[in-house]
Structures are given as C-alpha cells and as structure tokens.
Protein backbone atom coordinates (compact mmCIF):
# COMPACT_ATOMS: atom_id res chain seq x y z
CA MET A 1 89.73 -55.51 42.28
CA ASP A 2 89.16 -55.15 38.52
CA ALA A 3 86.26 -53.57 36.59
CA SER A 4 84.36 -56.86 36.54
CA ASP A 5 84.54 -57.26 40.30
CA LEU A 6 83.71 -53.61 40.95
CA SER A 7 80.72 -53.64 38.62
CA LEU A 8 79.40 -56.82 40.24
CA VAL A 9 79.79 -55.29 43.69
CA LEU A 10 77.89 -52.22 42.47
CA CYS A 11 75.14 -54.46 41.02
CA ILE A 12 74.75 -56.11 44.41
CA VAL A 13 74.91 -52.90 46.44
CA LEU A 14 72.51 -50.94 44.24
CA SER A 15 69.98 -53.75 43.87
CA GLY A 16 70.31 -54.34 47.61
CA LEU A 17 69.57 -50.68 48.34
CA TRP A 18 66.55 -50.67 46.03
CA SER A 19 65.41 -54.00 47.47
CA GLY A 20 65.58 -52.54 50.96
CA LEU A 21 63.62 -49.48 49.92
CA LEU A 22 60.91 -51.64 48.38
CA LEU A 23 60.93 -53.96 51.38
CA ALA A 24 60.18 -50.93 53.57
CA VAL A 25 57.51 -49.61 51.21
CA THR A 26 55.70 -52.93 50.78
CA ASN A 27 56.00 -54.22 54.33
CA LEU A 28 55.91 -51.03 56.40
CA LEU A 29 54.14 -48.33 54.43
CA HIS A 30 51.55 -50.49 52.67
CA PRO A 31 49.94 -51.67 55.93
CA VAL A 32 49.85 -48.08 57.19
CA PHE A 33 48.36 -46.76 53.94
CA ARG A 34 45.90 -49.67 53.69
CA ALA A 35 44.49 -48.83 57.14
CA LEU A 36 43.70 -45.23 56.19
CA ASP A 37 40.24 -44.11 55.16
CA PRO A 38 39.99 -42.75 51.57
CA PRO A 39 40.58 -39.03 52.33
CA ASP A 40 43.50 -39.81 54.66
CA PHE A 41 44.99 -42.22 52.10
CA ALA A 42 44.85 -39.50 49.44
CA ALA A 43 46.34 -36.89 51.77
CA ALA A 44 49.13 -39.22 52.92
CA LEU A 45 50.18 -40.15 49.39
CA GLN A 46 49.92 -36.55 48.25
CA ARG A 47 52.48 -35.70 50.94
CA PHE A 48 54.66 -38.78 50.40
CA LEU A 49 54.81 -39.11 46.60
CA PRO A 50 56.25 -35.67 45.73
CA VAL A 51 59.12 -36.26 48.13
CA ALA A 52 59.70 -39.81 46.91
CA ARG A 53 59.49 -38.83 43.25
CA ARG A 54 62.11 -36.07 43.57
CA ALA A 55 64.56 -37.90 45.83
CA PRO A 56 68.01 -37.81 44.19
CA ALA A 57 68.82 -41.21 45.69
CA ASN A 58 66.04 -42.77 43.60
CA TRP A 59 67.55 -41.45 40.38
CA VAL A 60 71.10 -42.40 41.32
CA VAL A 61 70.14 -45.95 42.26
CA VAL A 62 67.91 -46.58 39.23
CA ILE A 63 70.53 -45.21 36.82
CA GLY A 64 73.12 -47.32 38.63
CA LEU A 65 70.89 -50.38 38.27
CA LEU A 66 71.15 -49.93 34.51
CA VAL A 67 74.79 -48.86 34.22
CA ALA A 68 76.48 -51.28 36.65
CA PRO A 69 75.05 -54.46 35.03
CA ALA A 70 75.89 -53.10 31.56
CA VAL A 71 79.48 -52.56 32.65
CA ALA A 72 79.51 -56.01 34.25
CA LEU A 73 78.29 -57.55 31.00
CA ALA A 74 81.09 -55.82 29.12
CA THR A 75 83.73 -57.11 31.54
CA VAL A 76 82.78 -60.73 32.25
CA PRO A 77 83.34 -63.49 29.68
CA ALA A 78 80.44 -63.63 27.23
CA GLY A 79 78.45 -66.83 27.57
CA SER A 80 79.71 -67.58 31.07
CA GLY A 81 77.29 -68.38 33.87
CA ALA A 82 77.97 -64.98 35.41
CA PHE A 83 77.23 -63.27 32.10
CA VAL A 84 73.85 -65.00 31.76
CA LEU A 85 72.91 -64.24 35.38
CA ILE A 86 73.89 -60.58 35.00
CA ALA A 87 71.97 -60.28 31.72
CA VAL A 88 68.82 -61.71 33.29
CA GLY A 89 69.32 -59.50 36.35
CA LEU A 90 69.62 -56.46 34.09
CA ALA A 91 66.40 -57.47 32.34
CA PHE A 92 64.64 -57.57 35.72
CA CYS A 93 66.06 -54.12 36.55
CA ILE A 94 64.78 -52.74 33.26
CA ALA A 95 61.38 -54.37 33.71
CA GLY A 96 60.86 -53.43 37.37
CA PRO A 97 62.51 -50.23 38.53
CA LEU A 98 62.50 -48.67 35.06
CA VAL A 99 59.52 -49.78 32.94
CA VAL A 100 56.97 -50.43 35.69
CA SER A 101 57.96 -47.18 37.41
CA ASN A 102 57.99 -45.04 34.28
CA ARG A 103 55.07 -46.50 32.33
CA LEU A 104 52.71 -47.66 35.09
CA ALA A 105 53.47 -46.25 38.53
CA GLU A 106 54.25 -42.65 37.54
CA PRO A 107 50.99 -42.17 35.60
CA ASN A 108 49.12 -43.67 38.56
CA TYR A 109 50.90 -41.22 40.88
CA ASP A 110 49.67 -38.40 38.65
CA VAL A 111 46.10 -39.65 39.11
CA ILE A 112 46.50 -39.79 42.90
CA ALA A 113 48.12 -36.35 42.99
CA HIS A 114 45.01 -34.80 41.47
CA TRP A 115 42.50 -36.27 43.91
CA ASP A 116 40.56 -33.98 46.17
CA PRO A 117 40.65 -35.78 49.54
CA ALA A 118 37.33 -34.18 50.45
CA ASP A 119 35.70 -35.46 47.25
CA MET A 120 37.27 -38.79 46.30
CA PRO A 121 36.62 -40.08 42.77
CA ALA A 122 34.50 -43.20 42.33
CA ASP A 123 37.49 -45.18 40.99
CA TRP A 124 39.87 -44.33 43.85
CA CYS A 125 40.01 -48.01 44.96
CA ALA A 126 41.36 -49.07 41.56
CA ALA A 127 44.16 -46.49 41.71
CA ARG A 128 44.99 -47.57 45.27
CA ARG A 129 45.13 -51.24 44.17
CA ARG A 130 47.43 -50.26 41.30
CA TYR A 131 49.66 -48.34 43.72
CA PHE A 132 50.11 -51.42 45.89
CA LEU A 133 50.44 -53.80 42.93
CA PHE A 134 53.09 -51.75 41.13
CA ASN A 135 55.18 -51.57 44.30
CA TRP A 136 54.99 -55.36 44.70
CA VAL A 137 55.91 -55.95 41.04
CA ARG A 138 58.93 -53.65 41.34
CA ALA A 139 59.89 -55.29 44.62
CA ALA A 140 59.72 -58.80 43.16
CA ALA A 141 61.73 -57.74 40.10
CA THR A 142 64.38 -56.04 42.22
CA TRP A 143 64.62 -58.89 44.72
CA THR A 144 65.06 -61.29 41.80
CA ALA A 145 67.75 -59.08 40.26
CA PHE A 146 69.54 -58.89 43.61
CA ALA A 147 69.57 -62.70 43.90
CA LEU A 148 70.79 -63.03 40.31
CA PHE A 149 73.62 -60.54 40.88
CA VAL A 150 74.71 -62.36 44.04
CA ALA A 151 74.66 -65.66 42.12
CA ALA A 152 76.65 -64.05 39.29
CA ALA A 153 79.27 -62.81 41.73
CA PHE A 154 79.48 -66.27 43.27
CA CYS A 155 79.93 -67.81 39.81
CA SER A 156 82.51 -65.24 38.82
CA TRP A 157 84.49 -65.30 42.04
CA THR A 158 84.55 -69.09 42.54
CA SER A 159 85.57 -70.06 39.02
C-alpha cells in the first residue's frame, strides 16, 4: 500500500467516522432535544456541548479530514478522476466540518451556553433552529465528502 492508497483509506475512514457522528447527532439526538421544553433543552445542551466541544476525537478527525485529502491530492495524478473527486471532497470537508463549525456553530454554542434555563431569552427558538440547521449542513457536507472519497478510491483502484 503506497501513500496514495493510505491517504485515500484515511479519507474514507475519517469522513466515515465524522459521518457516523453526525448521523447519530441528527437522527438520534435531534429528536430527543426537539422534544424538550425550553429550559430542559437549554440544560441538556449546556451539559452536552462542553463535552462535545472538548472531545479530542473531534479535533483529531477534523484535522485528519483536512490533512488526509491534502496528502491524497499530492500523491494521485493531477487531473485524474480521483484527483478531482478528492479535491471536491476536501472542499466539502473545509466547508462543513471546518467553516460551518468554526464560523457558525461555535458562536451559536456560545449563545446557548449563556442561557439561563430558568429565564430563557426571547430569541431562544432561533438559536435552537440554528443548532439543528448547522448540524444538518455539516452532516450533508460530510456525507457528500465520504461519497466522493469512496468514488475517488474506486477510480484510483480500478484504473
């Protein structure tokens, strides 16, 4: 197995791990959180988000989602089908797990972290909608990247 193969495997594994995490968040946790009344929603996220935000696995996977495709791009033939698929997959990784998380979700988490569950702000519904939306956007981007990396591996390994 050479660097190209290894980097493609890492692209698939890491995007698969992040896809699974987001599948669980969007399809398991969202229904639970949606069913909570406003104070319980605030309290639940105030317990969940600090743990999720500090989890070393999150950092390792997101950094890997940037490094592995970059290595893959450096090791597959430029202009090949695999190269294009990896490049687009990397763009989805940058857009979803990195930009949406850093520029949109994290500031929204800061808003939620400062709520008083006993005295919810008037705009709490908007922050809750953003919480759900940002998770779905990251999920869609990551699922797309995963599919693109699988397709790139297929192109690379069957040619």
